[in-house]
Amino acid sequence: MSLLVALDLAAVVVFALTGALVASRAQLDIVGFVFVASLTAVGGGTVRDLLLDRNPVFWIAEPRTVGVAAAAAVIVFFTAHLLESRYKVIVWLDALALAIAVSAGVAAAQGLGQGPAITVIMGIVTGCLGGLMRDVVCNEVPLVLKQGELYVTAALAGAAAAVLAPLMTPHPLAPLAACTVLTFGLRAGSILFGWRLPVYRPRPPRTPGR
């Protein structure tokens, strides 16, 4: 199994769990669980592969990924009620999935010889779009758009770290390790310590003549 396939499969598993947990909050049936989990699991990677013109798309090349996502959904369907706070579990699993998926996006772009800018963008796309689709379909406020949260910023920083890592060390795993650690670290800091970006605050119109 190649490193990219392993990263994609790991991201599929963790994102599928978050999708199924969000489906439990929406009180969907088991088919809804499987649909939302699968959409979350493969959404970002599918868009990445279409943009990069990778043929076939990763889950068509490795159909077991869809089976893994469906299995995760079924497990959550029968066990979600055991969790004390499903939202907390979703947030932390999503942070882990984000870190893995951004690394998978970076690896896919670099494997095709893409430049730094496209590599960073593909990392962000792979990491963020599956969760965005999940939350929109289930009528949740998307984590990616929550006010000031380090989400896209974490993905951007992690992907950029992967691009810069070879300038500091020749180790072949350094880019993906730097990407995973920084992405998860920033996301965890946002969850635990409230790290935020400044948000726009509207100001009252100025009084004429002042």
C-alpha atoms as a PDB file:
ATOM      1  CA  MET A   1       0.000   0.000   0.000  1.00  0.00           C
ATOM      2  CA  SER A   2       1.425   3.380  -1.014  1.00  0.00           C
ATOM      3  CA  LEU A   3       1.706   6.270   1.433  1.00  0.00           C
ATOM      4  CA  LEU A   4      -0.965   8.271  -0.419  1.00  0.00           C
ATOM      5  CA  VAL A   5      -3.414   5.351  -0.380  1.00  0.00           C
ATOM      6  CA  ALA A   6      -2.779   4.888   3.353  1.00  0.00           C
ATOM      7  CA  LEU A   7      -3.360   8.595   4.041  1.00  0.00           C
ATOM      8  CA  ASP A   8      -6.546   8.636   1.966  1.00  0.00           C
ATOM      9  CA  LEU A   9      -7.831   5.527   3.745  1.00  0.00           C
ATOM     10  CA  ALA A  10      -7.057   6.964   7.188  1.00  0.00           C
ATOM     11  CA  ALA A  11      -8.804  10.230   6.306  1.00  0.00           C
ATOM     12  CA  VAL A  12     -11.802   8.276   4.986  1.00  0.00           C
ATOM     13  CA  VAL A  13     -12.169   6.336   8.248  1.00  0.00           C
ATOM     14  CA  VAL A  14     -11.995   9.361  10.537  1.00  0.00           C
ATOM     15  CA  PHE A  15     -14.107  11.648   8.353  1.00  0.00           C
ATOM     16  CA  ALA A  16     -16.708   8.872   7.974  1.00  0.00           C
ATOM     17  CA  LEU A  17     -16.988   8.655  11.766  1.00  0.00           C
ATOM     18  CA  THR A  18     -17.606  12.418  11.973  1.00  0.00           C
ATOM     19  CA  GLY A  19     -20.197  12.218   9.196  1.00  0.00           C
ATOM     20  CA  ALA A  20     -22.051   9.420  10.949  1.00  0.00           C
ATOM     21  CA  LEU A  21     -21.997  11.296  14.253  1.00  0.00           C
ATOM     22  CA  VAL A  22     -23.432  14.394  12.587  1.00  0.00           C
ATOM     23  CA  ALA A  23     -26.099  12.136  11.042  1.00  0.00           C
ATOM     24  CA  SER A  24     -26.918  10.900  14.561  1.00  0.00           C
ATOM     25  CA  ARG A  25     -27.454  14.485  15.702  1.00  0.00           C
ATOM     26  CA  ALA A  26     -29.818  14.933  12.751  1.00  0.00           C
ATOM     27  CA  GLN A  27     -31.607  11.661  13.722  1.00  0.00           C
ATOM     28  CA  LEU A  28     -31.308  10.097  10.267  1.00  0.00           C
ATOM     29  CA  ASP A  29     -31.979   6.460   9.410  1.00  0.00           C
ATOM     30  CA  ILE A  30     -29.190   3.982   8.693  1.00  0.00           C
ATOM     31  CA  VAL A  31     -29.164   4.788   4.969  1.00  0.00           C
ATOM     32  CA  GLY A  32     -28.797   8.462   5.838  1.00  0.00           C
ATOM     33  CA  PHE A  33     -25.870   7.555   8.100  1.00  0.00           C
ATOM     34  CA  VAL A  34     -24.115   5.721   5.279  1.00  0.00           C
ATOM     35  CA  PHE A  35     -24.778   8.513   2.794  1.00  0.00           C
ATOM     36  CA  VAL A  36     -23.531  11.322   5.030  1.00  0.00           C
ATOM     37  CA  ALA A  37     -20.525   9.321   6.224  1.00  0.00           C
ATOM     38  CA  SER A  38     -19.527   8.437   2.652  1.00  0.00           C
ATOM     39  CA  LEU A  39     -20.029  11.985   1.410  1.00  0.00           C
ATOM     40  CA  THR A  40     -17.856  13.333   4.217  1.00  0.00           C
ATOM     41  CA  ALA A  41     -15.228  10.655   3.726  1.00  0.00           C
ATOM     42  CA  VAL A  42     -14.683  11.047  -0.020  1.00  0.00           C
ATOM     43  CA  GLY A  43     -15.924  14.561  -0.766  1.00  0.00           C
ATOM     44  CA  GLY A  44     -12.677  16.481  -0.389  1.00  0.00           C
ATOM     45  CA  GLY A  45     -10.533  13.828  -2.063  1.00  0.00           C
ATOM     46  CA  THR A  46     -12.945  13.579  -4.996  1.00  0.00           C
ATOM     47  CA  VAL A  47     -12.812  17.318  -5.684  1.00  0.00           C
ATOM     48  CA  ARG A  48      -9.005  17.203  -5.354  1.00  0.00           C
ATOM     49  CA  ASP A  49      -8.665  14.382  -7.870  1.00  0.00           C
ATOM     50  CA  LEU A  50     -11.042  16.031 -10.350  1.00  0.00           C
ATOM     51  CA  LEU A  51      -9.106  19.298 -10.160  1.00  0.00           C
ATOM     52  CA  LEU A  52      -5.776  17.485 -10.565  1.00  0.00           C
ATOM     53  CA  ASP A  53      -7.194  15.324 -13.379  1.00  0.00           C
ATOM     54  CA  ARG A  54      -6.198  12.155 -11.528  1.00  0.00           C
ATOM     55  CA  ASN A  55      -7.822   9.235 -13.289  1.00  0.00           C
ATOM     56  CA  PRO A  56      -9.451   7.299 -11.763  1.00  0.00           C
ATOM     57  CA  VAL A  57     -10.623   9.173  -8.670  1.00  0.00           C
ATOM     58  CA  PHE A  58      -9.100   7.619  -5.542  1.00  0.00           C
ATOM     59  CA  TRP A  59     -12.193   5.783  -4.294  1.00  0.00           C
ATOM     60  CA  ILE A  60     -12.850   4.319  -7.741  1.00  0.00           C
ATOM     61  CA  ALA A  61      -9.269   3.065  -7.856  1.00  0.00           C
ATOM     62  CA  GLU A  62      -9.686   1.688  -4.307  1.00  0.00           C
ATOM     63  CA  PRO A  63     -13.416   0.807  -3.906  1.00  0.00           C
ATOM     64  CA  ARG A  64     -12.794  -0.570  -0.422  1.00  0.00           C
ATOM     65  CA  THR A  65     -12.638   3.004   0.829  1.00  0.00           C
ATOM     66  CA  VAL A  66     -16.389   3.346   0.299  1.00  0.00           C
ATOM     67  CA  GLY A  67     -16.951   0.052   2.084  1.00  0.00           C
ATOM     68  CA  VAL A  68     -14.845   1.266   5.011  1.00  0.00           C
ATOM     69  CA  ALA A  69     -16.884   4.480   5.197  1.00  0.00           C
ATOM     70  CA  ALA A  70     -20.149   2.508   5.131  1.00  0.00           C
ATOM     71  CA  ALA A  71     -18.908   0.151   7.845  1.00  0.00           C
ATOM     72  CA  ALA A  72     -17.928   3.107  10.042  1.00  0.00           C
ATOM     73  CA  ALA A  73     -21.412   4.560   9.571  1.00  0.00           C
ATOM     74  CA  VAL A  74     -23.116   1.321  10.608  1.00  0.00           C
ATOM     75  CA  ILE A  75     -20.941   1.033  13.728  1.00  0.00           C
ATOM     76  CA  VAL A  76     -21.777   4.603  14.751  1.00  0.00           C
ATOM     77  CA  PHE A  77     -25.488   3.994  14.075  1.00  0.00           C
ATOM     78  CA  PHE A  78     -25.523   1.345  16.823  1.00  0.00           C
ATOM     79  CA  THR A  79     -23.099   3.011  19.255  1.00  0.00           C
ATOM     80  CA  ALA A  80     -23.580   6.795  19.036  1.00  0.00           C
ATOM     81  CA  HIS A  81     -26.034   6.772  21.948  1.00  0.00           C
ATOM     82  CA  LEU A  82     -23.222   5.635  24.254  1.00  0.00           C
ATOM     83  CA  LEU A  83     -21.320   8.913  23.853  1.00  0.00           C
ATOM     84  CA  GLU A  84     -21.812  11.550  26.522  1.00  0.00           C
ATOM     85  CA  SER A  85     -21.131  14.454  24.137  1.00  0.00           C
ATOM     86  CA  ARG A  86     -21.267  13.635  20.457  1.00  0.00           C
ATOM     87  CA  TYR A  87     -20.395  17.201  19.507  1.00  0.00           C
ATOM     88  CA  LYS A  88     -17.078  17.108  21.387  1.00  0.00           C
ATOM     89  CA  VAL A  89     -16.186  13.821  19.725  1.00  0.00           C
ATOM     90  CA  ILE A  90     -17.102  15.253  16.317  1.00  0.00           C
ATOM     91  CA  VAL A  91     -14.902  18.305  16.839  1.00  0.00           C
ATOM     92  CA  TRP A  92     -11.856  16.280  17.890  1.00  0.00           C
ATOM     93  CA  LEU A  93     -12.268  13.584  15.250  1.00  0.00           C
ATOM     94  CA  ASP A  94     -12.729  16.309  12.670  1.00  0.00           C
ATOM     95  CA  ALA A  95      -9.460  17.935  13.785  1.00  0.00           C
ATOM     96  CA  LEU A  96      -7.637  14.631  13.337  1.00  0.00           C
ATOM     97  CA  ALA A  97      -9.285  13.985   9.972  1.00  0.00           C
ATOM     98  CA  LEU A  98      -8.381  17.499   8.816  1.00  0.00           C
ATOM     99  CA  ALA A  99      -4.702  16.963   9.620  1.00  0.00           C
ATOM    100  CA  ILE A 100      -4.586  13.618   7.798  1.00  0.00           C
ATOM    101  CA  ALA A 101      -6.573  14.804   4.783  1.00  0.00           C
ATOM    102  CA  VAL A 102      -4.486  17.945   4.279  1.00  0.00           C
ATOM    103  CA  SER A 103      -1.404  15.708   4.217  1.00  0.00           C
ATOM    104  CA  ALA A 104      -3.106  13.427   1.677  1.00  0.00           C
ATOM    105  CA  GLY A 105      -3.906  16.412  -0.532  1.00  0.00           C
ATOM    106  CA  VAL A 106      -0.328  17.649  -0.339  1.00  0.00           C
ATOM    107  CA  ALA A 107       1.024  14.181  -1.165  1.00  0.00           C
ATOM    108  CA  ALA A 108      -1.300  13.848  -4.173  1.00  0.00           C
ATOM    109  CA  ALA A 109      -0.274  17.225  -5.595  1.00  0.00           C
ATOM    110  CA  GLN A 110       3.424  16.669  -5.001  1.00  0.00           C
ATOM    111  CA  GLY A 111       3.184  13.206  -6.538  1.00  0.00           C
ATOM    112  CA  LEU A 112       1.981  14.830  -9.756  1.00  0.00           C
ATOM    113  CA  GLY A 113       4.782  17.384  -9.698  1.00  0.00           C
ATOM    114  CA  GLN A 114       2.586  20.385  -8.925  1.00  0.00           C
ATOM    115  CA  GLY A 115       4.151  23.627  -7.731  1.00  0.00           C
ATOM    116  CA  PRO A 116       3.932  25.087  -4.224  1.00  0.00           C
ATOM    117  CA  ALA A 117       0.759  27.131  -4.764  1.00  0.00           C
ATOM    118  CA  ILE A 118      -1.272  24.246  -6.201  1.00  0.00           C
ATOM    119  CA  THR A 119       0.081  21.897  -3.537  1.00  0.00           C
ATOM    120  CA  VAL A 120      -1.153  24.201  -0.772  1.00  0.00           C
ATOM    121  CA  ILE A 121      -4.547  24.649  -2.429  1.00  0.00           C
ATOM    122  CA  MET A 122      -5.003  20.902  -2.883  1.00  0.00           C
ATOM    123  CA  GLY A 123      -4.175  20.356   0.778  1.00  0.00           C
ATOM    124  CA  ILE A 124      -6.877  22.836   1.781  1.00  0.00           C
ATOM    125  CA  VAL A 125      -9.432  21.384  -0.663  1.00  0.00           C
ATOM    126  CA  THR A 126      -8.858  17.803   0.514  1.00  0.00           C
ATOM    127  CA  GLY A 127      -9.018  18.760   4.168  1.00  0.00           C
ATOM    128  CA  CYS A 128     -11.955  21.144   4.192  1.00  0.00           C
ATOM    129  CA  LEU A 129     -14.540  20.244   1.560  1.00  0.00           C
ATOM    130  CA  GLY A 130     -15.746  16.901   2.945  1.00  0.00           C
ATOM    131  CA  GLY A 131     -16.612  18.413   6.316  1.00  0.00           C
ATOM    132  CA  LEU A 132     -18.226  21.401   4.634  1.00  0.00           C
ATOM    133  CA  MET A 133     -20.452  19.114   2.545  1.00  0.00           C
ATOM    134  CA  ARG A 134     -21.363  17.105   5.656  1.00  0.00           C
ATOM    135  CA  ASP A 135     -22.445  20.137   7.662  1.00  0.00           C
ATOM    136  CA  VAL A 136     -24.394  21.739   4.806  1.00  0.00           C
ATOM    137  CA  VAL A 137     -26.313  18.523   4.037  1.00  0.00           C
ATOM    138  CA  CYS A 138     -27.173  18.036   7.723  1.00  0.00           C
ATOM    139  CA  ASN A 139     -28.113  21.704   8.220  1.00  0.00           C
ATOM    140  CA  GLU A 140     -25.330  22.296  10.764  1.00  0.00           C
ATOM    141  CA  VAL A 141     -23.277  25.476  11.009  1.00  0.00           C
ATOM    142  CA  PRO A 142     -20.137  24.410   9.086  1.00  0.00           C
ATOM    143  CA  LEU A 143     -17.091  24.059  11.334  1.00  0.00           C
ATOM    144  CA  VAL A 144     -15.037  25.513   8.508  1.00  0.00           C
ATOM    145  CA  LEU A 145     -17.028  28.769   8.689  1.00  0.00           C
ATOM    146  CA  LYS A 146     -17.402  29.186  12.442  1.00  0.00           C
ATOM    147  CA  GLN A 147     -16.500  32.701  13.506  1.00  0.00           C
ATOM    148  CA  GLY A 148     -12.759  33.188  13.711  1.00  0.00           C
ATOM    149  CA  GLU A 149     -11.958  29.485  14.240  1.00  0.00           C
ATOM    150  CA  LEU A 150      -8.611  28.193  12.999  1.00  0.00           C
ATOM    151  CA  TYR A 151      -9.819  25.693  10.427  1.00  0.00           C
ATOM    152  CA  VAL A 152      -8.940  26.756   6.896  1.00  0.00           C
ATOM    153  CA  THR A 153      -6.057  28.658   8.480  1.00  0.00           C
ATOM    154  CA  ALA A 154      -4.804  25.450  10.093  1.00  0.00           C
ATOM    155  CA  ALA A 155      -5.046  23.644   6.750  1.00  0.00           C
ATOM    156  CA  LEU A 156      -3.225  26.492   5.000  1.00  0.00           C
ATOM    157  CA  ALA A 157      -0.438  26.569   7.572  1.00  0.00           C
ATOM    158  CA  GLY A 158      -0.015  22.797   7.491  1.00  0.00           C
ATOM    159  CA  ALA A 159       0.142  22.632   3.703  1.00  0.00           C
ATOM    160  CA  ALA A 160       2.605  25.530   3.626  1.00  0.00           C
ATOM    161  CA  ALA A 161       4.767  23.735   6.201  1.00  0.00           C
ATOM    162  CA  ALA A 162       4.868  20.701   3.919  1.00  0.00           C
ATOM    163  CA  VAL A 163       6.084  22.866   1.046  1.00  0.00           C
ATOM    164  CA  LEU A 164       8.781  24.523   3.185  1.00  0.00           C
ATOM    165  CA  ALA A 165       9.965  21.423   5.083  1.00  0.00           C
ATOM    166  CA  PRO A 166      12.331  20.164   2.317  1.00  0.00           C
ATOM    167  CA  LEU A 167      14.266  23.428   2.622  1.00  0.00           C
ATOM    168  CA  MET A 168      15.105  22.513   6.218  1.00  0.00           C
ATOM    169  CA  THR A 169      15.634  18.741   6.101  1.00  0.00           C
ATOM    170  CA  PRO A 170      16.044  16.156   3.320  1.00  0.00           C
ATOM    171  CA  HIS A 171      14.086  13.468   5.199  1.00  0.00           C
ATOM    172  CA  PRO A 172      11.374  12.182   2.813  1.00  0.00           C
ATOM    173  CA  LEU A 173       8.672  12.071   5.499  1.00  0.00           C
ATOM    174  CA  ALA A 174       9.402  15.544   6.875  1.00  0.00           C
ATOM    175  CA  PRO A 175       6.857  17.404   4.681  1.00  0.00           C
ATOM    176  CA  LEU A 176       3.905  15.201   5.660  1.00  0.00           C
ATOM    177  CA  ALA A 177       4.955  15.035   9.306  1.00  0.00           C
ATOM    178  CA  ALA A 178       5.233  18.835   9.494  1.00  0.00           C
ATOM    179  CA  CYS A 179       1.883  19.213   7.752  1.00  0.00           C
ATOM    180  CA  THR A 180       0.049  16.783  10.034  1.00  0.00           C
ATOM    181  CA  VAL A 181       1.527  18.086  13.287  1.00  0.00           C
ATOM    182  CA  LEU A 182       1.038  21.787  12.508  1.00  0.00           C
ATOM    183  CA  THR A 183      -2.492  21.375  11.148  1.00  0.00           C
ATOM    184  CA  PHE A 184      -3.628  19.347  14.147  1.00  0.00           C
ATOM    185  CA  GLY A 185      -1.758  21.575  16.606  1.00  0.00           C
ATOM    186  CA  LEU A 186      -3.397  24.769  15.361  1.00  0.00           C
ATOM    187  CA  ARG A 187      -6.842  23.180  15.236  1.00  0.00           C
ATOM    188  CA  ALA A 188      -6.398  21.753  18.735  1.00  0.00           C
ATOM    189  CA  GLY A 189      -5.273  25.150  20.012  1.00  0.00           C
ATOM    190  CA  SER A 190      -8.411  26.696  18.578  1.00  0.00           C
ATOM    191  CA  ILE A 191     -10.560  24.089  20.335  1.00  0.00           C
ATOM    192  CA  LEU A 192      -8.757  24.051  23.685  1.00  0.00           C
ATOM    193  CA  PHE A 193      -7.524  27.611  24.102  1.00  0.00           C
ATOM    194  CA  GLY A 194      -9.871  29.599  21.910  1.00  0.00           C
ATOM    195  CA  TRP A 195      -7.238  30.659  19.383  1.00  0.00           C
ATOM    196  CA  ARG A 196      -9.079  32.811  16.881  1.00  0.00           C
ATOM    197  CA  LEU A 197      -8.508  35.091  13.942  1.00  0.00           C
ATOM    198  CA  PRO A 198      -9.895  38.620  14.222  1.00  0.00           C
ATOM    199  CA  VAL A 199     -13.360  38.885  12.706  1.00  0.00           C
ATOM    200  CA  TYR A 200     -15.004  41.776  10.953  1.00  0.00           C
ATOM    201  CA  ARG A 201     -16.984  44.094  13.244  1.00  0.00           C
ATOM    202  CA  PRO A 202     -19.350  46.519  11.531  1.00  0.00           C
ATOM    203  CA  ARG A 203     -19.032  50.133  12.610  1.00  0.00           C
ATOM    204  CA  PRO A 204     -21.871  52.641  12.787  1.00  0.00           C
ATOM    205  CA  PRO A 205     -21.878  55.135   9.912  1.00  0.00           C
ATOM    206  CA  ARG A 206     -19.990  58.327  10.569  1.00  0.00           C
ATOM    207  CA  THR A 207     -22.085  61.395  11.359  1.00  0.00           C
ATOM    208  CA  PRO A 208     -22.083  63.829   8.388  1.00  0.00           C
ATOM    209  CA  GLY A 209     -19.755  66.716   8.947  1.00  0.00           C
ATOM    210  CA  ARG A 210     -17.386  64.816  11.283  1.00  0.00           C
END
